[in-house]
């Protein structure tokens, strides 16, 4: 995921299985919201 020259998410692989809960944690600016927004 890129915003102009800024790469917010790069090379992320993720699987979520039926009925499963997956947590993504990290500091501000880590790309978490960009990942959710893309999904």
ModelCIF file with pLDDT and N, C-alpha, C, O atoms, coordinates in Angstrom:
data_MODEL
#
_entry.id   MODEL 
#
_entity.id                         1 
_entity.type                       polymer 
_entity.pdbx_number_of_molecules   1 
#
_entity_poly.entity_id                      1 
_entity_poly.type                           'polypeptide(L)' 
_entity_poly.nstd_linkage                   no 
_entity_poly.nstd_monomer                   no 
_entity_poly.pdbx_seq_one_letter_code       
;(UNK)(UNK)(UNK)(UNK)(UNK)(UNK)(UNK)(UNK)(UNK)(UNK)(UNK)(UNK)(UNK)(UNK)(UNK)(UNK)
(UNK)(UNK)(UNK)(UNK)(UNK)(UNK)(UNK)(UNK)(UNK)(UNK)(UNK)(UNK)(UNK)(UNK)(UNK)(UNK)
(UNK)(UNK)(UNK)(UNK)(UNK)(UNK)(UNK)
;
_entity_poly.pdbx_seq_one_letter_code_can   XXXXXXXXXXXXXXXXXXXXXXXXXXXXXXXXXXXXXXX 
_entity_poly.pdbx_strand_id                 A 
#
loop_
_entity_poly_seq.entity_id 
_entity_poly_seq.num 
_entity_poly_seq.mon_id 
_entity_poly_seq.hetero 
1 1  UNK n 
1 2  UNK n 
1 3  UNK n 
1 4  UNK n 
1 5  UNK n 
1 6  UNK n 
1 7  UNK n 
1 8  UNK n 
1 9  UNK n 
1 10 UNK n 
1 11 UNK n 
1 12 UNK n 
1 13 UNK n 
1 14 UNK n 
1 15 UNK n 
1 16 UNK n 
1 17 UNK n 
1 18 UNK n 
1 19 UNK n 
1 20 UNK n 
1 21 UNK n 
1 22 UNK n 
1 23 UNK n 
1 24 UNK n 
1 25 UNK n 
1 26 UNK n 
1 27 UNK n 
1 28 UNK n 
1 29 UNK n 
1 30 UNK n 
1 31 UNK n 
1 32 UNK n 
1 33 UNK n 
1 34 UNK n 
1 35 UNK n 
1 36 UNK n 
1 37 UNK n 
1 38 UNK n 
1 39 UNK n 
#
_struct_asym.id          A 
_struct_asym.entity_id   1 
#
loop_
_ma_qa_metric.id 
_ma_qa_metric.mode 
_ma_qa_metric.name 
_ma_qa_metric.software_group_id 
_ma_qa_metric.type 
1 global pLDDT . pLDDT 
2 local  pLDDT . pLDDT 
#
_ma_qa_metric_global.metric_id      1 
_ma_qa_metric_global.metric_value   95.10 
_ma_qa_metric_global.model_id       1 
_ma_qa_metric_global.ordinal_id     1 
#
loop_
_ma_qa_metric_local.label_asym_id 
_ma_qa_metric_local.label_comp_id 
_ma_qa_metric_local.label_seq_id 
_ma_qa_metric_local.metric_id 
_ma_qa_metric_local.metric_value 
_ma_qa_metric_local.model_id 
_ma_qa_metric_local.ordinal_id 
A UNK 1  2 97.00 1 1  
A UNK 2  2 96.00 1 2  
A UNK 3  2 95.00 1 3  
A UNK 4  2 93.00 1 4  
A UNK 5  2 93.00 1 5  
A UNK 6  2 95.00 1 6  
A UNK 7  2 96.00 1 7  
A UNK 8  2 97.00 1 8  
A UNK 9  2 97.00 1 9  
A UNK 10 2 94.00 1 10 
A UNK 11 2 94.00 1 11 
A UNK 12 2 97.00 1 12 
A UNK 13 2 97.00 1 13 
A UNK 14 2 97.00 1 14 
A UNK 15 2 96.00 1 15 
A UNK 16 2 97.00 1 16 
A UNK 17 2 97.00 1 17 
A UNK 18 2 96.00 1 18 
A UNK 19 2 95.00 1 19 
A UNK 20 2 97.00 1 20 
A UNK 21 2 98.00 1 21 
A UNK 22 2 98.00 1 22 
A UNK 23 2 97.00 1 23 
A UNK 24 2 96.00 1 24 
A UNK 25 2 93.00 1 25 
A UNK 26 2 89.00 1 26 
A UNK 27 2 86.00 1 27 
A UNK 28 2 87.00 1 28 
A UNK 29 2 90.00 1 29 
A UNK 30 2 92.00 1 30 
A UNK 31 2 95.00 1 31 
A UNK 32 2 96.00 1 32 
A UNK 33 2 96.00 1 33 
A UNK 34 2 97.00 1 34 
A UNK 35 2 97.00 1 35 
A UNK 36 2 97.00 1 36 
A UNK 37 2 96.00 1 37 
A UNK 38 2 96.00 1 38 
A UNK 39 2 97.00 1 39 
#
loop_
_atom_site.group_PDB 
_atom_site.id 
_atom_site.type_symbol 
_atom_site.label_atom_id 
_atom_site.label_alt_id 
_atom_site.label_comp_id 
_atom_site.label_asym_id 
_atom_site.label_entity_id 
_atom_site.label_seq_id 
_atom_site.pdbx_PDB_ins_code 
_atom_site.Cartn_x 
_atom_site.Cartn_y 
_atom_site.Cartn_z 
_atom_site.occupancy 
_atom_site.B_iso_or_equiv 
_atom_site.pdbx_formal_charge 
_atom_site.auth_seq_id 
_atom_site.auth_comp_id 
_atom_site.auth_asym_id 
_atom_site.auth_atom_id 
_atom_site.pdbx_PDB_model_num 
ATOM 1   N N  . UNK A 1 1  ? 0.860   -1.179  0.000  1.00 97.00 ? 1  UNK A N  1 
ATOM 2   C CA . UNK A 1 1  ? 0.000   0.000   0.000  1.00 97.00 ? 1  UNK A CA 1 
ATOM 3   C C  . UNK A 1 1  ? 0.894   1.225   0.000  1.00 97.00 ? 1  UNK A C  1 
ATOM 4   O O  . UNK A 1 1  ? 1.787   1.356   0.837  1.00 97.00 ? 1  UNK A O  1 
ATOM 5   N N  . UNK A 1 2  ? 0.648   2.120   -0.944 1.00 96.00 ? 2  UNK A N  1 
ATOM 6   C CA . UNK A 1 2  ? 1.454   3.338   -1.040 1.00 96.00 ? 2  UNK A CA 1 
ATOM 7   C C  . UNK A 1 2  ? 0.551   4.558   -1.067 1.00 96.00 ? 2  UNK A C  1 
ATOM 8   O O  . UNK A 1 2  ? -0.566  4.518   -1.584 1.00 96.00 ? 2  UNK A O  1 
ATOM 9   N N  . UNK A 1 3  ? 1.061   5.646   -0.498 1.00 95.00 ? 3  UNK A N  1 
ATOM 10  C CA . UNK A 1 3  ? 0.453   6.974   -0.613 1.00 95.00 ? 3  UNK A CA 1 
ATOM 11  C C  . UNK A 1 3  ? 1.497   7.865   -1.276 1.00 95.00 ? 3  UNK A C  1 
ATOM 12  O O  . UNK A 1 3  ? 2.371   8.412   -0.602 1.00 95.00 ? 3  UNK A O  1 
ATOM 13  N N  . UNK A 1 4  ? 1.409   8.009   -2.575 1.00 93.00 ? 4  UNK A N  1 
ATOM 14  C CA . UNK A 1 4  ? 2.443   8.750   -3.279 1.00 93.00 ? 4  UNK A CA 1 
ATOM 15  C C  . UNK A 1 4  ? 3.786   8.048   -3.147 1.00 93.00 ? 4  UNK A C  1 
ATOM 16  O O  . UNK A 1 4  ? 3.927   6.877   -3.500 1.00 93.00 ? 4  UNK A O  1 
ATOM 17  N N  . UNK A 1 5  ? 4.766   8.776   -2.634 1.00 93.00 ? 5  UNK A N  1 
ATOM 18  C CA . UNK A 1 5  ? 6.112   8.209   -2.478 1.00 93.00 ? 5  UNK A CA 1 
ATOM 19  C C  . UNK A 1 5  ? 6.268   7.421   -1.188 1.00 93.00 ? 5  UNK A C  1 
ATOM 20  O O  . UNK A 1 5  ? 7.309   6.803   -0.965 1.00 93.00 ? 5  UNK A O  1 
ATOM 21  N N  . UNK A 1 6  ? 5.244   7.434   -0.330 1.00 95.00 ? 6  UNK A N  1 
ATOM 22  C CA . UNK A 1 6  ? 5.329   6.772   0.974  1.00 95.00 ? 6  UNK A CA 1 
ATOM 23  C C  . UNK A 1 6  ? 4.747   5.363   0.867  1.00 95.00 ? 6  UNK A C  1 
ATOM 24  O O  . UNK A 1 6  ? 3.610   5.184   0.432  1.00 95.00 ? 6  UNK A O  1 
ATOM 25  N N  . UNK A 1 7  ? 5.536   4.369   1.267  1.00 96.00 ? 7  UNK A N  1 
ATOM 26  C CA . UNK A 1 7  ? 5.061   2.988   1.315  1.00 96.00 ? 7  UNK A CA 1 
ATOM 27  C C  . UNK A 1 7  ? 4.602   2.690   2.731  1.00 96.00 ? 7  UNK A C  1 
ATOM 28  O O  . UNK A 1 7  ? 5.414   2.612   3.653  1.00 96.00 ? 7  UNK A O  1 
ATOM 29  N N  . UNK A 1 8  ? 3.286   2.523   2.900  1.00 97.00 ? 8  UNK A N  1 
ATOM 30  C CA . UNK A 1 8  ? 2.713   2.296   4.227  1.00 97.00 ? 8  UNK A CA 1 
ATOM 31  C C  . UNK A 1 8  ? 2.709   0.828   4.609  1.00 97.00 ? 8  UNK A C  1 
ATOM 32  O O  . UNK A 1 8  ? 2.857   0.490   5.783  1.00 97.00 ? 8  UNK A O  1 
ATOM 33  N N  . UNK A 1 9  ? 2.540   -0.047  3.626  1.00 97.00 ? 9  UNK A N  1 
ATOM 34  C CA . UNK A 1 9  ? 2.532   -1.495  3.842  1.00 97.00 ? 9  UNK A CA 1 
ATOM 35  C C  . UNK A 1 9  ? 3.356   -2.116  2.731  1.00 97.00 ? 9  UNK A C  1 
ATOM 36  O O  . UNK A 1 9  ? 3.170   -1.785  1.560  1.00 97.00 ? 9  UNK A O  1 
ATOM 37  N N  . UNK A 1 10 ? 4.263   -3.009  3.085  1.00 94.00 ? 10 UNK A N  1 
ATOM 38  C CA . UNK A 1 10 ? 5.076   -3.623  2.031  1.00 94.00 ? 10 UNK A CA 1 
ATOM 39  C C  . UNK A 1 10 ? 5.297   -5.107  2.309  1.00 94.00 ? 10 UNK A C  1 
ATOM 40  O O  . UNK A 1 10 ? 5.829   -5.499  3.348  1.00 94.00 ? 10 UNK A O  1 
ATOM 41  N N  . UNK A 1 11 ? 4.870   -5.916  1.341  1.00 94.00 ? 11 UNK A N  1 
ATOM 42  C CA . UNK A 1 11 ? 5.132   -7.336  1.376  1.00 94.00 ? 11 UNK A CA 1 
ATOM 43  C C  . UNK A 1 11 ? 4.459   -8.106  2.489  1.00 94.00 ? 11 UNK A C  1 
ATOM 44  O O  . UNK A 1 11 ? 5.017   -9.088  2.977  1.00 94.00 ? 11 UNK A O  1 
ATOM 45  N N  . UNK A 1 12 ? 3.268   -7.686  2.908  1.00 97.00 ? 12 UNK A N  1 
ATOM 46  C CA . UNK A 1 12 ? 2.601   -8.341  4.036  1.00 97.00 ? 12 UNK A CA 1 
ATOM 47  C C  . UNK A 1 12 ? 1.845   -9.583  3.563  1.00 97.00 ? 12 UNK A C  1 
ATOM 48  O O  . UNK A 1 12 ? 1.100   -9.541  2.584  1.00 97.00 ? 12 UNK A O  1 
ATOM 49  N N  . UNK A 1 13 ? 2.055   -10.688 4.280  1.00 97.00 ? 13 UNK A N  1 
ATOM 50  C CA . UNK A 1 13 ? 1.295   -11.920 4.099  1.00 97.00 ? 13 UNK A CA 1 
ATOM 51  C C  . UNK A 1 13 ? 0.491   -12.169 5.377  1.00 97.00 ? 13 UNK A C  1 
ATOM 52  O O  . UNK A 1 13 ? 1.025   -12.061 6.480  1.00 97.00 ? 13 UNK A O  1 
ATOM 53  N N  . UNK A 1 14 ? -0.782  -12.500 5.226  1.00 97.00 ? 14 UNK A N  1 
ATOM 54  C CA . UNK A 1 14 ? -1.639  -12.709 6.399  1.00 97.00 ? 14 UNK A CA 1 
ATOM 55  C C  . UNK A 1 14 ? -2.755  -13.677 6.046  1.00 97.00 ? 14 UNK A C  1 
ATOM 56  O O  . UNK A 1 14 ? -3.375  -13.559 4.990  1.00 97.00 ? 14 UNK A O  1 
ATOM 57  N N  . UNK A 1 15 ? -3.007  -14.623 6.922  1.00 96.00 ? 15 UNK A N  1 
ATOM 58  C CA . UNK A 1 15 ? -4.160  -15.507 6.800  1.00 96.00 ? 15 UNK A CA 1 
ATOM 59  C C  . UNK A 1 15 ? -5.013  -15.384 8.063  1.00 96.00 ? 15 UNK A C  1 
ATOM 60  O O  . UNK A 1 15 ? -4.491  -15.336 9.176  1.00 96.00 ? 15 UNK A O  1 
ATOM 61  N N  . UNK A 1 16 ? -6.312  -15.334 7.875  1.00 97.00 ? 16 UNK A N  1 
ATOM 62  C CA . UNK A 1 16 ? -7.266  -15.395 8.981  1.00 97.00 ? 16 UNK A CA 1 
ATOM 63  C C  . UNK A 1 16 ? -8.227  -16.518 8.650  1.00 97.00 ? 16 UNK A C  1 
ATOM 64  O O  . UNK A 1 16 ? -8.803  -16.547 7.563  1.00 97.00 ? 16 UNK A O  1 
ATOM 65  N N  . UNK A 1 17 ? -8.403  -17.439 9.579  1.00 97.00 ? 17 UNK A N  1 
ATOM 66  C CA . UNK A 1 17 ? -9.231  -18.615 9.343  1.00 97.00 ? 17 UNK A CA 1 
ATOM 67  C C  . UNK A 1 17 ? -10.628 -18.400 9.917  1.00 97.00 ? 17 UNK A C  1 
ATOM 68  O O  . UNK A 1 17 ? -10.833 -17.557 10.791 1.00 97.00 ? 17 UNK A O  1 
ATOM 69  N N  . UNK A 1 18 ? -11.572 -19.168 9.417  1.00 96.00 ? 18 UNK A N  1 
ATOM 70  C CA . UNK A 1 18 ? -12.963 -19.043 9.845  1.00 96.00 ? 18 UNK A CA 1 
ATOM 71  C C  . UNK A 1 18 ? -13.064 -19.192 11.355 1.00 96.00 ? 18 UNK A C  1 
ATOM 72  O O  . UNK A 1 18 ? -12.551 -20.153 11.928 1.00 96.00 ? 18 UNK A O  1 
ATOM 73  N N  . UNK A 1 19 ? -13.730 -18.232 11.997 1.00 95.00 ? 19 UNK A N  1 
ATOM 74  C CA . UNK A 1 19 ? -13.923 -18.271 13.439 1.00 95.00 ? 19 UNK A CA 1 
ATOM 75  C C  . UNK A 1 19 ? -12.711 -17.892 14.265 1.00 95.00 ? 19 UNK A C  1 
ATOM 76  O O  . UNK A 1 19 ? -12.750 -17.979 15.492 1.00 95.00 ? 19 UNK A O  1 
ATOM 77  N N  . UNK A 1 20 ? -11.639 -17.473 13.620 1.00 97.00 ? 20 UNK A N  1 
ATOM 78  C CA . UNK A 1 20 ? -10.394 -17.165 14.325 1.00 97.00 ? 20 UNK A CA 1 
ATOM 79  C C  . UNK A 1 20 ? -10.296 -15.681 14.642 1.00 97.00 ? 20 UNK A C  1 
ATOM 80  O O  . UNK A 1 20 ? -10.860 -14.849 13.931 1.00 97.00 ? 20 UNK A O  1 
ATOM 81  N N  . UNK A 1 21 ? -9.576  -15.350 15.715 1.00 98.00 ? 21 UNK A N  1 
ATOM 82  C CA . UNK A 1 21 ? -9.278  -13.967 16.059 1.00 98.00 ? 21 UNK A CA 1 
ATOM 83  C C  . UNK A 1 21 ? -7.778  -13.739 15.950 1.00 98.00 ? 21 UNK A C  1 
ATOM 84  O O  . UNK A 1 21 ? -6.982  -14.432 16.583 1.00 98.00 ? 21 UNK A O  1 
ATOM 85  N N  . UNK A 1 22 ? -7.406  -12.758 15.139 1.00 98.00 ? 22 UNK A N  1 
ATOM 86  C CA . UNK A 1 22 ? -6.006  -12.393 14.958 1.00 98.00 ? 22 UNK A CA 1 
ATOM 87  C C  . UNK A 1 22 ? -5.830  -10.939 15.385 1.00 98.00 ? 22 UNK A C  1 
ATOM 88  O O  . UNK A 1 22 ? -6.590  -10.067 14.963 1.00 98.00 ? 22 UNK A O  1 
ATOM 89  N N  . UNK A 1 23 ? -4.832  -10.682 16.218 1.00 97.00 ? 23 UNK A N  1 
ATOM 90  C CA . UNK A 1 23 ? -4.523  -9.333  16.682 1.00 97.00 ? 23 UNK A CA 1 
ATOM 91  C C  . UNK A 1 23 ? -3.298  -8.813  15.949 1.00 97.00 ? 23 UNK A C  1 
ATOM 92  O O  . UNK A 1 23 ? -2.321  -9.537  15.757 1.00 97.00 ? 23 UNK A O  1 
ATOM 93  N N  . UNK A 1 24 ? -3.359  -7.557  15.544 1.00 96.00 ? 24 UNK A N  1 
ATOM 94  C CA . UNK A 1 24 ? -2.201  -6.873  14.967 1.00 96.00 ? 24 UNK A CA 1 
ATOM 95  C C  . UNK A 1 24 ? -1.904  -5.678  15.859 1.00 96.00 ? 24 UNK A C  1 
ATOM 96  O O  . UNK A 1 24 ? -2.726  -4.772  15.991 1.00 96.00 ? 24 UNK A O  1 
ATOM 97  N N  . UNK A 1 25 ? -0.739  -5.681  16.462 1.00 93.00 ? 25 UNK A N  1 
ATOM 98  C CA . UNK A 1 25 ? -0.369  -4.602  17.369 1.00 93.00 ? 25 UNK A CA 1 
ATOM 99  C C  . UNK A 1 25 ? 0.925   -3.961  16.891 1.00 93.00 ? 25 UNK A C  1 
ATOM 100 O O  . UNK A 1 25 ? 1.687   -4.549  16.123 1.00 93.00 ? 25 UNK A O  1 
ATOM 101 N N  . UNK A 1 26 ? 1.154   -2.748  17.362 1.00 89.00 ? 26 UNK A N  1 
ATOM 102 C CA . UNK A 1 26 ? 2.350   -2.031  16.982 1.00 89.00 ? 26 UNK A CA 1 
ATOM 103 C C  . UNK A 1 26 ? 2.184   -0.542  17.212 1.00 89.00 ? 26 UNK A C  1 
ATOM 104 O O  . UNK A 1 26 ? 1.095   -0.089  17.562 1.00 89.00 ? 26 UNK A O  1 
ATOM 105 N N  . UNK A 1 27 ? 3.244   0.223   17.023 1.00 86.00 ? 27 UNK A N  1 
ATOM 106 C CA . UNK A 1 27 ? 3.200   1.661   17.307 1.00 86.00 ? 27 UNK A CA 1 
ATOM 107 C C  . UNK A 1 27 ? 2.419   2.426   16.254 1.00 86.00 ? 27 UNK A C  1 
ATOM 108 O O  . UNK A 1 27 ? 2.075   1.877   15.207 1.00 86.00 ? 27 UNK A O  1 
ATOM 109 N N  . UNK A 1 28 ? 2.138   3.700   16.532 1.00 87.00 ? 28 UNK A N  1 
ATOM 110 C CA . UNK A 1 28 ? 1.535   4.578   15.540 1.00 87.00 ? 28 UNK A CA 1 
ATOM 111 C C  . UNK A 1 28 ? 2.419   4.641   14.301 1.00 87.00 ? 28 UNK A C  1 
ATOM 112 O O  . UNK A 1 28 ? 3.646   4.651   14.401 1.00 87.00 ? 28 UNK A O  1 
ATOM 113 N N  . UNK A 1 29 ? 1.787   4.683   13.137 1.00 90.00 ? 29 UNK A N  1 
ATOM 114 C CA . UNK A 1 29 ? 2.532   4.783   11.899 1.00 90.00 ? 29 UNK A CA 1 
ATOM 115 C C  . UNK A 1 29 ? 3.101   3.478   11.399 1.00 90.00 ? 29 UNK A C  1 
ATOM 116 O O  . UNK A 1 29 ? 3.896   3.467   10.458 1.00 90.00 ? 29 UNK A O  1 
ATOM 117 N N  . UNK A 1 30 ? 2.702   2.361   12.021 1.00 92.00 ? 30 UNK A N  1 
ATOM 118 C CA . UNK A 1 30 ? 3.257   1.070   11.623 1.00 92.00 ? 30 UNK A CA 1 
ATOM 119 C C  . UNK A 1 30 ? 2.640   0.533   10.341 1.00 92.00 ? 30 UNK A C  1 
ATOM 120 O O  . UNK A 1 30 ? 3.205   -0.368  9.721  1.00 92.00 ? 30 UNK A O  1 
ATOM 121 N N  . UNK A 1 31 ? 1.489   1.068   9.927  1.00 95.00 ? 31 UNK A N  1 
ATOM 122 C CA . UNK A 1 31 ? 0.800   0.579   8.743  1.00 95.00 ? 31 UNK A CA 1 
ATOM 123 C C  . UNK A 1 31 ? -0.430  -0.253  9.046  1.00 95.00 ? 31 UNK A C  1 
ATOM 124 O O  . UNK A 1 31 ? -1.034  -0.825  8.139  1.00 95.00 ? 31 UNK A O  1 
ATOM 125 N N  . UNK A 1 32 ? -0.811  -0.327  10.334 1.00 96.00 ? 32 UNK A N  1 
ATOM 126 C CA . UNK A 1 32 ? -1.926  -1.189  10.733 1.00 96.00 ? 32 UNK A CA 1 
ATOM 127 C C  . UNK A 1 32 ? -3.242  -0.741  10.101 1.00 96.00 ? 32 UNK A C  1 
ATOM 128 O O  . UNK A 1 32 ? -3.967  -1.557  9.531  1.00 96.00 ? 32 UNK A O  1 
ATOM 129 N N  . UNK A 1 33 ? -3.553  0.550   10.198 1.00 96.00 ? 33 UNK A N  1 
ATOM 130 C CA . UNK A 1 33 ? -4.803  1.060   9.644  1.00 96.00 ? 33 UNK A CA 1 
ATOM 131 C C  . UNK A 1 33 ? -4.813  0.939   8.130  1.00 96.00 ? 33 UNK A C  1 
ATOM 132 O O  . UNK A 1 33 ? -5.854  0.644   7.544  1.00 96.00 ? 33 UNK A O  1 
ATOM 133 N N  . UNK A 1 34 ? -3.678  1.162   7.490  1.00 97.00 ? 34 UNK A N  1 
ATOM 134 C CA . UNK A 1 34 ? -3.601  1.024   6.033  1.00 97.00 ? 34 UNK A CA 1 
ATOM 135 C C  . UNK A 1 34 ? -3.891  -0.411  5.610  1.00 97.00 ? 34 UNK A C  1 
ATOM 136 O O  . UNK A 1 34 ? -4.549  -0.642  4.595  1.00 97.00 ? 34 UNK A O  1 
ATOM 137 N N  . UNK A 1 35 ? -3.404  -1.372  6.384  1.00 97.00 ? 35 UNK A N  1 
ATOM 138 C CA . UNK A 1 35 ? -3.676  -2.780  6.086  1.00 97.00 ? 35 UNK A CA 1 
ATOM 139 C C  . UNK A 1 35 ? -5.166  -3.071  6.181  1.00 97.00 ? 35 UNK A C  1 
ATOM 140 O O  . UNK A 1 35 ? -5.734  -3.681  5.275  1.00 97.00 ? 35 UNK A O  1 
ATOM 141 N N  . UNK A 1 36 ? -5.809  -2.641  7.269  1.00 97.00 ? 36 UNK A N  1 
ATOM 142 C CA . UNK A 1 36 ? -7.252  -2.860  7.405  1.00 97.00 ? 36 UNK A CA 1 
ATOM 143 C C  . UNK A 1 36 ? -8.026  -2.157  6.296  1.00 97.00 ? 36 UNK A C  1 
ATOM 144 O O  . UNK A 1 36 ? -8.979  -2.710  5.747  1.00 97.00 ? 36 UNK A O  1 
ATOM 145 N N  . UNK A 1 37 ? -7.612  -0.936  5.970  1.00 96.00 ? 37 UNK A N  1 
ATOM 146 C CA . UNK A 1 37 ? -8.319  -0.170  4.938  1.00 96.00 ? 37 UNK A CA 1 
ATOM 147 C C  . UNK A 1 37 ? -8.245  -0.852  3.587  1.00 96.00 ? 37 UNK A C  1 
ATOM 148 O O  . UNK A 1 37 ? -9.204  -0.809  2.817  1.00 96.00 ? 37 UNK A O  1 
ATOM 149 N N  . UNK A 1 38 ? -7.110  -1.484  3.288  1.00 96.00 ? 38 UNK A N  1 
ATOM 150 C CA . UNK A 1 38 ? -6.979  -2.208  2.026  1.00 96.00 ? 38 UNK A CA 1 
ATOM 151 C C  . UNK A 1 38 ? -7.878  -3.435  2.002  1.00 96.00 ? 38 UNK A C  1 
ATOM 152 O O  . UNK A 1 38 ? -8.524  -3.712  0.991  1.00 96.00 ? 38 UNK A O  1 
ATOM 153 N N  . UNK A 1 39 ? -7.925  -4.171  3.105  1.00 97.00 ? 39 UNK A N  1 
ATOM 154 C CA . UNK A 1 39 ? -8.788  -5.349  3.176  1.00 97.00 ? 39 UNK A CA 1 
ATOM 155 C C  . UNK A 1 39 ? -10.260 -4.942  3.066  1.00 97.00 ? 39 UNK A C  1 
ATOM 156 O O  . UNK A 1 39 ? -11.143 -5.800  3.105  1.00 97.00 ? 39 UNK A O  1 
#
